[in-house]
Amino acid sequence: MAASGILTSWNELPDLASKLDTPVSSSNIAIKNGALTGGTKYKLQISAQTPGGTTGSTEYTFETNSPPSGGTCSVDIPSGEALRTKFIFSCSGWTDPEGELMYEFKYKMRSGTHVLLYYGQQSSFTGKLPSGEGKENTLTIDVRVSDALHAANYTTIKVQVSTSDSV
């Protein structure tokens, strides 16, 4: 990109058909979720020809939204006792041009069900947890930080949560 902000070169997107939810020949186009890179400018050029030989073309330039970046998430203490210890989870340093961010903290149960611990605009929360899994009593907390346009970045926090009789 030139210093003036004008794009000076383009690259062809390889294997366009694999990035679409619709056939390339469709009168409408739907791009698969996650097929394009966030924070990137794209130009879509479309050309058509009628059976009589008349041609036409158009182009559309757009920029994809990039997810929040630059932050970290952590827990105040690395271990505690199930349903007794209050863990403080916090995220800091996340930025995004769209402004306000949303934070989601959850964990996955042995059955595969996800349990939501917190979802909202606060970058930290305090909560008690069930016991972890395995010899180390590990519980993995999945964190999602998203912007107003729903672009998201993901991280995990591992804590050791033992049952009351093993502490």
Foldseek 3Di string as FASTA:
>chain_A
DDPVPDDDDDDDDPPQCVQWPDGPPDPDTHGDPPSDAAQDKDKDKDKDADPVGDIDIDIDIDHHHAWWDQKDKEWPDQEDAAPPDKIKIFMDGTDGPLDFKKKWKWWADPVRDIDTPDIGRHRMDIDGHGFADDPQRKTKIKMWIGHPVGHIDIDIYIHGYHYPVVD
